[in-house]
Amino acid sequence: MQIPAGFRDSKLVRWGLAGLVLGTGPLLLAVAIAHLKGDPNPNPIGPGILAGVTFWPSLICVLIGWFKR
């Protein structure tokens, strides 16, 4: 399966994917580390706020870049 060329070249898609990775990555990493350590009640406040602030704008950028192509 190939990714369409217009999708790869869209700056909005690139920015949106970068925002998703950089915004939700720390939260996923904190949850994974807590799970590996056996922490039953992880409380990653900072990464959670970062993910909450960046998720929807990043997703909107990806969708606009996808439909704009």
PDB file of N, CA and C in Angstrom:
ATOM      1  N   MET A   1       0.843  -1.178   0.000  1.00  0.00           N
ATOM      2  CA  MET A   1       0.000   0.000   0.000  1.00  0.00           C
ATOM      3  C   MET A   1       0.891   1.245   0.000  1.00  0.00           C
ATOM      4  N   GLN A   2       0.644   2.126  -0.946  1.00  0.00           N
ATOM      5  CA  GLN A   2       1.450   3.320  -1.051  1.00  0.00           C
ATOM      6  C   GLN A   2       0.694   4.531  -0.510  1.00  0.00           C
ATOM      7  N   ILE A   3       1.451   5.430   0.091  1.00  0.00           N
ATOM      8  CA  ILE A   3       0.882   6.687   0.576  1.00  0.00           C
ATOM      9  C   ILE A   3       0.839   7.654  -0.597  1.00  0.00           C
ATOM     10  N   PRO A   4      -0.302   8.313  -0.828  1.00  0.00           N
ATOM     11  CA  PRO A   4      -0.388   9.257  -1.945  1.00  0.00           C
ATOM     12  C   PRO A   4       0.650  10.374  -1.825  1.00  0.00           C
ATOM     13  N   ALA A   5       1.176  10.812  -2.964  1.00  0.00           N
ATOM     14  CA  ALA A   5       2.231  11.822  -2.974  1.00  0.00           C
ATOM     15  C   ALA A   5       1.761  13.137  -2.371  1.00  0.00           C
ATOM     16  N   GLY A   6       0.533  13.525  -2.616  1.00  0.00           N
ATOM     17  CA  GLY A   6       0.018  14.770  -2.065  1.00  0.00           C
ATOM     18  C   GLY A   6      -0.053  14.749  -0.552  1.00  0.00           C
ATOM     19  N   PHE A   7      -0.310  13.587   0.001  1.00  0.00           N
ATOM     20  CA  PHE A   7      -0.377  13.442   1.447  1.00  0.00           C
ATOM     21  C   PHE A   7       1.008  13.586   2.071  1.00  0.00           C
ATOM     22  N   ARG A   8       2.008  13.001   1.418  1.00  0.00           N
ATOM     23  CA  ARG A   8       3.380  13.080   1.932  1.00  0.00           C
ATOM     24  C   ARG A   8       3.926  14.491   1.844  1.00  0.00           C
ATOM     25  N   ASP A   9       3.534  15.246   0.851  1.00  0.00           N
ATOM     26  CA  ASP A   9       4.103  16.566   0.620  1.00  0.00           C
ATOM     27  C   ASP A   9       3.403  17.673   1.393  1.00  0.00           C
ATOM     28  N   SER A  10       2.268  17.384   1.994  1.00  0.00           N
ATOM     29  CA  SER A  10       1.508  18.413   2.687  1.00  0.00           C
ATOM     30  C   SER A  10       2.199  18.817   3.995  1.00  0.00           C
ATOM     31  N   LYS A  11       2.465  20.121   4.129  1.00  0.00           N
ATOM     32  CA  LYS A  11       3.104  20.613   5.351  1.00  0.00           C
ATOM     33  C   LYS A  11       2.160  20.505   6.547  1.00  0.00           C
ATOM     34  N   LEU A  12       0.868  20.669   6.303  1.00  0.00           N
ATOM     35  CA  LEU A  12      -0.086  20.539   7.400  1.00  0.00           C
ATOM     36  C   LEU A  12      -0.086  19.124   7.967  1.00  0.00           C
ATOM     37  N   VAL A  13       0.015  18.150   7.100  1.00  0.00           N
ATOM     38  CA  VAL A  13       0.051  16.761   7.565  1.00  0.00           C
ATOM     39  C   VAL A  13       1.338  16.512   8.351  1.00  0.00           C
ATOM     40  N   ARG A  14       2.443  16.994   7.847  1.00  0.00           N
ATOM     41  CA  ARG A  14       3.712  16.807   8.562  1.00  0.00           C
ATOM     42  C   ARG A  14       3.682  17.474   9.929  1.00  0.00           C
ATOM     43  N   TRP A  15       3.204  18.712   9.995  1.00  0.00           N
ATOM     44  CA  TRP A  15       3.116  19.420  11.278  1.00  0.00           C
ATOM     45  C   TRP A  15       2.147  18.716  12.220  1.00  0.00           C
ATOM     46  N   GLY A  16       1.038  18.247  11.677  1.00  0.00           N
ATOM     47  CA  GLY A  16       0.059  17.556  12.511  1.00  0.00           C
ATOM     48  C   GLY A  16       0.597  16.259  13.081  1.00  0.00           C
ATOM     49  N   LEU A  17       1.276  15.471  12.257  1.00  0.00           N
ATOM     50  CA  LEU A  17       1.855  14.225  12.742  1.00  0.00           C
ATOM     51  C   LEU A  17       2.967  14.483  13.753  1.00  0.00           C
ATOM     52  N   ALA A  18       3.759  15.518  13.512  1.00  0.00           N
ATOM     53  CA  ALA A  18       4.806  15.874  14.478  1.00  0.00           C
ATOM     54  C   ALA A  18       4.174  16.304  15.808  1.00  0.00           C
ATOM     55  N   GLY A  19       3.092  17.057  15.737  1.00  0.00           N
ATOM     56  CA  GLY A  19       2.401  17.462  16.958  1.00  0.00           C
ATOM     57  C   GLY A  19       1.820  16.278  17.715  1.00  0.00           C
ATOM     58  N   LEU A  20       1.271  15.325  16.972  1.00  0.00           N
ATOM     59  CA  LEU A  20       0.733  14.119  17.622  1.00  0.00           C
ATOM     60  C   LEU A  20       1.835  13.327  18.317  1.00  0.00           C
ATOM     61  N   VAL A  21       2.946  13.147  17.630  1.00  0.00           N
ATOM     62  CA  VAL A  21       4.035  12.360  18.204  1.00  0.00           C
ATOM     63  C   VAL A  21       4.666  13.079  19.398  1.00  0.00           C
ATOM     64  N   LEU A  22       4.955  14.365  19.238  1.00  0.00           N
ATOM     65  CA  LEU A  22       5.604  15.104  20.317  1.00  0.00           C
ATOM     66  C   LEU A  22       4.652  15.445  21.461  1.00  0.00           C
ATOM     67  N   GLY A  23       3.365  15.514  21.165  1.00  0.00           N
ATOM     68  CA  GLY A  23       2.400  15.854  22.207  1.00  0.00           C
ATOM     69  C   GLY A  23       1.924  14.662  23.013  1.00  0.00           C
ATOM     70  N   THR A  24       1.690  13.540  22.354  1.00  0.00           N
ATOM     71  CA  THR A  24       1.179  12.371  23.068  1.00  0.00           C
ATOM     72  C   THR A  24       2.277  11.380  23.438  1.00  0.00           C
ATOM     73  N   GLY A  25       3.436  11.498  22.836  1.00  0.00           N
ATOM     74  CA  GLY A  25       4.541  10.588  23.123  1.00  0.00           C
ATOM     75  C   GLY A  25       4.963  10.561  24.587  1.00  0.00           C
ATOM     76  N   PRO A  26       5.165  11.724  25.217  1.00  0.00           N
ATOM     77  CA  PRO A  26       5.566  11.698  26.626  1.00  0.00           C
ATOM     78  C   PRO A  26       4.532  11.035  27.545  1.00  0.00           C
ATOM     79  N   LEU A  27       3.256  11.224  27.258  1.00  0.00           N
ATOM     80  CA  LEU A  27       2.227  10.580  28.079  1.00  0.00           C
ATOM     81  C   LEU A  27       2.264   9.069  27.902  1.00  0.00           C
ATOM     82  N   LEU A  28       2.368   8.608  26.658  1.00  0.00           N
ATOM     83  CA  LEU A  28       2.448   7.172  26.414  1.00  0.00           C
ATOM     84  C   LEU A  28       3.702   6.573  27.049  1.00  0.00           C
ATOM     85  N   LEU A  29       4.802   7.299  27.003  1.00  0.00           N
ATOM     86  CA  LEU A  29       6.043   6.837  27.620  1.00  0.00           C
ATOM     87  C   LEU A  29       5.895   6.759  29.144  1.00  0.00           C
ATOM     88  N   ALA A  30       5.274   7.768  29.759  1.00  0.00           N
ATOM     89  CA  ALA A  30       5.078   7.762  31.212  1.00  0.00           C
ATOM     90  C   ALA A  30       4.178   6.611  31.644  1.00  0.00           C
ATOM     91  N   VAL A  31       3.128   6.349  30.878  1.00  0.00           N
ATOM     92  CA  VAL A  31       2.229   5.239  31.205  1.00  0.00           C
ATOM     93  C   VAL A  31       2.945   3.900  31.034  1.00  0.00           C
ATOM     94  N   ALA A  32       3.748   3.761  29.986  1.00  0.00           N
ATOM     95  CA  ALA A  32       4.484   2.516  29.757  1.00  0.00           C
ATOM     96  C   ALA A  32       5.501   2.265  30.868  1.00  0.00           C
ATOM     97  N   ILE A  33       6.205   3.305  31.284  1.00  0.00           N
ATOM     98  CA  ILE A  33       7.184   3.152  32.367  1.00  0.00           C
ATOM     99  C   ILE A  33       6.488   2.786  33.668  1.00  0.00           C
ATOM    100  N   ALA A  34       5.353   3.431  33.947  1.00  0.00           N
ATOM    101  CA  ALA A  34       4.605   3.108  35.167  1.00  0.00           C
ATOM    102  C   ALA A  34       4.112   1.668  35.134  1.00  0.00           C
ATOM    103  N   HIS A  35       3.696   1.205  33.970  1.00  0.00           N
ATOM    104  CA  HIS A  35       3.232  -0.174  33.848  1.00  0.00           C
ATOM    105  C   HIS A  35       4.381  -1.164  34.065  1.00  0.00           C
ATOM    106  N   LEU A  36       5.549  -0.848  33.522  1.00  0.00           N
ATOM    107  CA  LEU A  36       6.699  -1.732  33.687  1.00  0.00           C
ATOM    108  C   LEU A  36       7.182  -1.780  35.134  1.00  0.00           C
ATOM    109  N   LYS A  37       7.064  -0.664  35.853  1.00  0.00           N
ATOM    110  CA  LYS A  37       7.475  -0.614  37.254  1.00  0.00           C
ATOM    111  C   LYS A  37       6.416  -1.196  38.180  1.00  0.00           C
ATOM    112  N   GLY A  38       5.215  -1.419  37.666  1.00  0.00           N
ATOM    113  CA  GLY A  38       4.148  -1.967  38.493  1.00  0.00           C
ATOM    114  C   GLY A  38       3.419  -0.919  39.312  1.00  0.00           C
ATOM    115  N   ASP A  39       3.514   0.331  38.918  1.00  0.00           N
ATOM    116  CA  ASP A  39       2.824   1.412  39.636  1.00  0.00           C
ATOM    117  C   ASP A  39       1.333   1.333  39.331  1.00  0.00           C
ATOM    118  N   PRO A  40       0.491   1.054  40.337  1.00  0.00           N
ATOM    119  CA  PRO A  40      -0.939   0.917  40.071  1.00  0.00           C
ATOM    120  C   PRO A  40      -1.653   2.250  39.847  1.00  0.00           C
ATOM    121  N   ASN A  41      -1.022   3.354  40.238  1.00  0.00           N
ATOM    122  CA  ASN A  41      -1.688   4.650  40.150  1.00  0.00           C
ATOM    123  C   ASN A  41      -0.730   5.712  39.611  1.00  0.00           C
ATOM    124  N   PRO A  42      -0.363   5.651  38.317  1.00  0.00           N
ATOM    125  CA  PRO A  42       0.515   6.695  37.781  1.00  0.00           C
ATOM    126  C   PRO A  42      -0.248   8.012  37.669  1.00  0.00           C
ATOM    127  N   ASN A  43       0.472   9.089  37.857  1.00  0.00           N
ATOM    128  CA  ASN A  43      -0.157  10.405  37.813  1.00  0.00           C
ATOM    129  C   ASN A  43       0.696  11.373  36.987  1.00  0.00           C
ATOM    130  N   PRO A  44       0.777  11.163  35.668  1.00  0.00           N
ATOM    131  CA  PRO A  44       1.594  12.044  34.825  1.00  0.00           C
ATOM    132  C   PRO A  44       0.823  13.312  34.444  1.00  0.00           C
ATOM    133  N   ILE A  45       0.809  14.285  35.323  1.00  0.00           N
ATOM    134  CA  ILE A  45       0.030  15.512  35.108  1.00  0.00           C
ATOM    135  C   ILE A  45       0.562  16.320  33.921  1.00  0.00           C
ATOM    136  N   GLY A  46       1.852  16.596  33.922  1.00  0.00           N
ATOM    137  CA  GLY A  46       2.437  17.409  32.848  1.00  0.00           C
ATOM    138  C   GLY A  46       2.252  16.804  31.470  1.00  0.00           C
ATOM    139  N   PRO A  47       2.637  15.536  31.282  1.00  0.00           N
ATOM    140  CA  PRO A  47       2.423  14.924  29.966  1.00  0.00           C
ATOM    141  C   PRO A  47       0.946  14.825  29.578  1.00  0.00           C
ATOM    142  N   GLY A  48       0.076  14.670  30.564  1.00  0.00           N
ATOM    143  CA  GLY A  48      -1.355  14.612  30.270  1.00  0.00           C
ATOM    144  C   GLY A  48      -1.883  15.946  29.762  1.00  0.00           C
ATOM    145  N   ILE A  49      -1.436  17.013  30.369  1.00  0.00           N
ATOM    146  CA  ILE A  49      -1.845  18.345  29.918  1.00  0.00           C
ATOM    147  C   ILE A  49      -1.289  18.610  28.519  1.00  0.00           C
ATOM    148  N   LEU A  50      -0.026  18.241  28.297  1.00  0.00           N
ATOM    149  CA  LEU A  50       0.579  18.422  26.974  1.00  0.00           C
ATOM    150  C   LEU A  50      -0.196  17.648  25.910  1.00  0.00           C
ATOM    151  N   ALA A  51      -0.561  16.417  26.210  1.00  0.00           N
ATOM    152  CA  ALA A  51      -1.325  15.615  25.252  1.00  0.00           C
ATOM    153  C   ALA A  51      -2.700  16.223  25.012  1.00  0.00           C
ATOM    154  N   GLY A  52      -3.334  16.705  26.068  1.00  0.00           N
ATOM    155  CA  GLY A  52      -4.657  17.306  25.918  1.00  0.00           C
ATOM    156  C   GLY A  52      -4.652  18.574  25.090  1.00  0.00           C
ATOM    157  N   VAL A  53      -3.584  19.336  25.209  1.00  0.00           N
ATOM    158  CA  VAL A  53      -3.495  20.604  24.474  1.00  0.00           C
ATOM    159  C   VAL A  53      -3.112  20.390  23.010  1.00  0.00           C
ATOM    160  N   THR A  54      -2.317  19.364  22.715  1.00  0.00           N
ATOM    161  CA  THR A  54      -1.808  19.191  21.352  1.00  0.00           C
ATOM    162  C   THR A  54      -2.596  18.202  20.509  1.00  0.00           C
ATOM    163  N   PHE A  55      -3.409  17.335  21.121  1.00  0.00           N
ATOM    164  CA  PHE A  55      -4.045  16.265  20.357  1.00  0.00           C
ATOM    165  C   PHE A  55      -5.009  16.796  19.294  1.00  0.00           C
ATOM    166  N   TRP A  56      -6.000  17.576  19.695  1.00  0.00           N
ATOM    167  CA  TRP A  56      -7.024  18.020  18.740  1.00  0.00           C
ATOM    168  C   TRP A  56      -6.487  18.973  17.675  1.00  0.00           C
ATOM    169  N   PRO A  57      -5.652  19.964  18.020  1.00  0.00           N
ATOM    170  CA  PRO A  57      -5.092  20.792  16.937  1.00  0.00           C
ATOM    171  C   PRO A  57      -4.267  19.985  15.935  1.00  0.00           C
ATOM    172  N   SER A  58      -3.516  19.006  16.427  1.00  0.00           N
ATOM    173  CA  SER A  58      -2.721  18.170  15.522  1.00  0.00           C
ATOM    174  C   SER A  58      -3.614  17.334  14.621  1.00  0.00           C
ATOM    175  N   LEU A  59      -4.647  16.769  15.193  1.00  0.00           N
ATOM    176  CA  LEU A  59      -5.576  15.963  14.407  1.00  0.00           C
ATOM    177  C   LEU A  59      -6.286  16.818  13.355  1.00  0.00           C
ATOM    178  N   ILE A  60      -6.651  18.023  13.724  1.00  0.00           N
ATOM    179  CA  ILE A  60      -7.302  18.935  12.772  1.00  0.00           C
ATOM    180  C   ILE A  60      -6.347  19.289  11.635  1.00  0.00           C
ATOM    181  N   CYS A  61      -5.065  19.522  11.952  1.00  0.00           N
ATOM    182  CA  CYS A  61      -4.072  19.809  10.904  1.00  0.00           C
ATOM    183  C   CYS A  61      -3.937  18.631   9.944  1.00  0.00           C
ATOM    184  N   VAL A  62      -3.900  17.418  10.474  1.00  0.00           N
ATOM    185  CA  VAL A  62      -3.785  16.240   9.612  1.00  0.00           C
ATOM    186  C   VAL A  62      -5.009  16.127   8.713  1.00  0.00           C
ATOM    187  N   LEU A  63      -6.188  16.321   9.271  1.00  0.00           N
ATOM    188  CA  LEU A  63      -7.414  16.196   8.471  1.00  0.00           C
ATOM    189  C   LEU A  63      -7.504  17.291   7.402  1.00  0.00           C
ATOM    190  N   ILE A  64      -7.158  18.507   7.762  1.00  0.00           N
ATOM    191  CA  ILE A  64      -7.190  19.582   6.761  1.00  0.00           C
ATOM    192  C   ILE A  64      -6.162  19.299   5.667  1.00  0.00           C
ATOM    193  N   GLY A  65      -4.963  18.856   6.031  1.00  0.00           N
ATOM    194  CA  GLY A  65      -3.956  18.511   5.036  1.00  0.00           C
ATOM    195  C   GLY A  65      -4.395  17.353   4.151  1.00  0.00           C
ATOM    196  N   TRP A  66      -5.129  16.391   4.726  1.00  0.00           N
ATOM    197  CA  TRP A  66      -5.589  15.238   3.959  1.00  0.00           C
ATOM    198  C   TRP A  66      -6.639  15.665   2.933  1.00  0.00           C
ATOM    199  N   PHE A  67      -7.621  16.469   3.363  1.00  0.00           N
ATOM    200  CA  PHE A  67      -8.695  16.864   2.443  1.00  0.00           C
ATOM    201  C   PHE A  67      -8.286  17.979   1.500  1.00  0.00           C
ATOM    202  N   LYS A  68      -7.249  18.706   1.833  1.00  0.00           N
ATOM    203  CA  LYS A  68      -6.796  19.808   0.979  1.00  0.00           C
ATOM    204  C   LYS A  68      -5.986  19.299  -0.218  1.00  0.00           C
ATOM    205  N   ARG A  69      -5.431  18.111  -0.103  1.00  0.00           N
ATOM    206  CA  ARG A  69      -4.589  17.591  -1.174  1.00  0.00           C
ATOM    207  C   ARG A  69      -5.404  17.457  -2.398  1.00  0.00           C
TER     208      ARG A  69
END
